[in-house]
Amino acid sequence: MALRTSVKVGSITNLSDARYCAGMGVDWLGFRTMGNQEKYISPELFKEIFGWFAGPKVIAEVYGIQTQQQLEKVLADYQPEFIELSLKEFSVLQTLTHPTILSVTYSEFQQQKEIILKQKDRVEYLLVSSETDPAHIIELTKEFSVLVKMSNQFKPELPELPIHGIALDGSSEEKPGLKSYEALANVLELLEVD
């Protein structure tokens, strides 16, 4: 299975989503790793899920993280290939050894541009909302690889922009093994390459 653009699916909370996304050729799966966040997934549940899919790289979504020690624990417990955070957490953490996805608005980027550019080697991708003006997205792509976060509704013009890929969110299961993939399928099936 191949997709026309790179795809990240975040906030994964169940094996069904993880396996479906892996089967559809998604590049990254994101897991909320901080206990104070909605859709948090414990290290134990993560390990159970991780044993059942192959292909996508793992992203530790560390929104709400407050200390370097918490980051060290996340890295040990989840063994991610990427870290995802907002500007708030980015400014708190001094040492990031993993490729980082920085979630920002265009205005935040403009306000903190100097700081972000100084640490450009720490940022693999910028993650911006699909509501961002396309001209602003194009501007950001001149400095960084950009992922555009969609609310699981496909915007056909996005893959035409010079972006690296798109980001979606997983959803909860009604009960184990019973879930609808409609929201994800609506986007992923449109991105399939024949």
Foldseek 3Di string as FASTA:
>chain_A
DDFQFAEEAELDQALVVQAVCLVLQHAEYEAEPDPVDPSHHDLVRLVVSVVPHDHHFYEHEDEPDAAPVVVVVCCVSNVGQEYEYEPVVVVRDDDDPHAYEYEDELVVCVVCVVVCLVVVVNHQEYEYEPPHDLVSVLVVVVRHAYEYEYALADDVCVVVRNHRYYYYYDDDAPDVPHDDCVSVCNHSVVRDDD
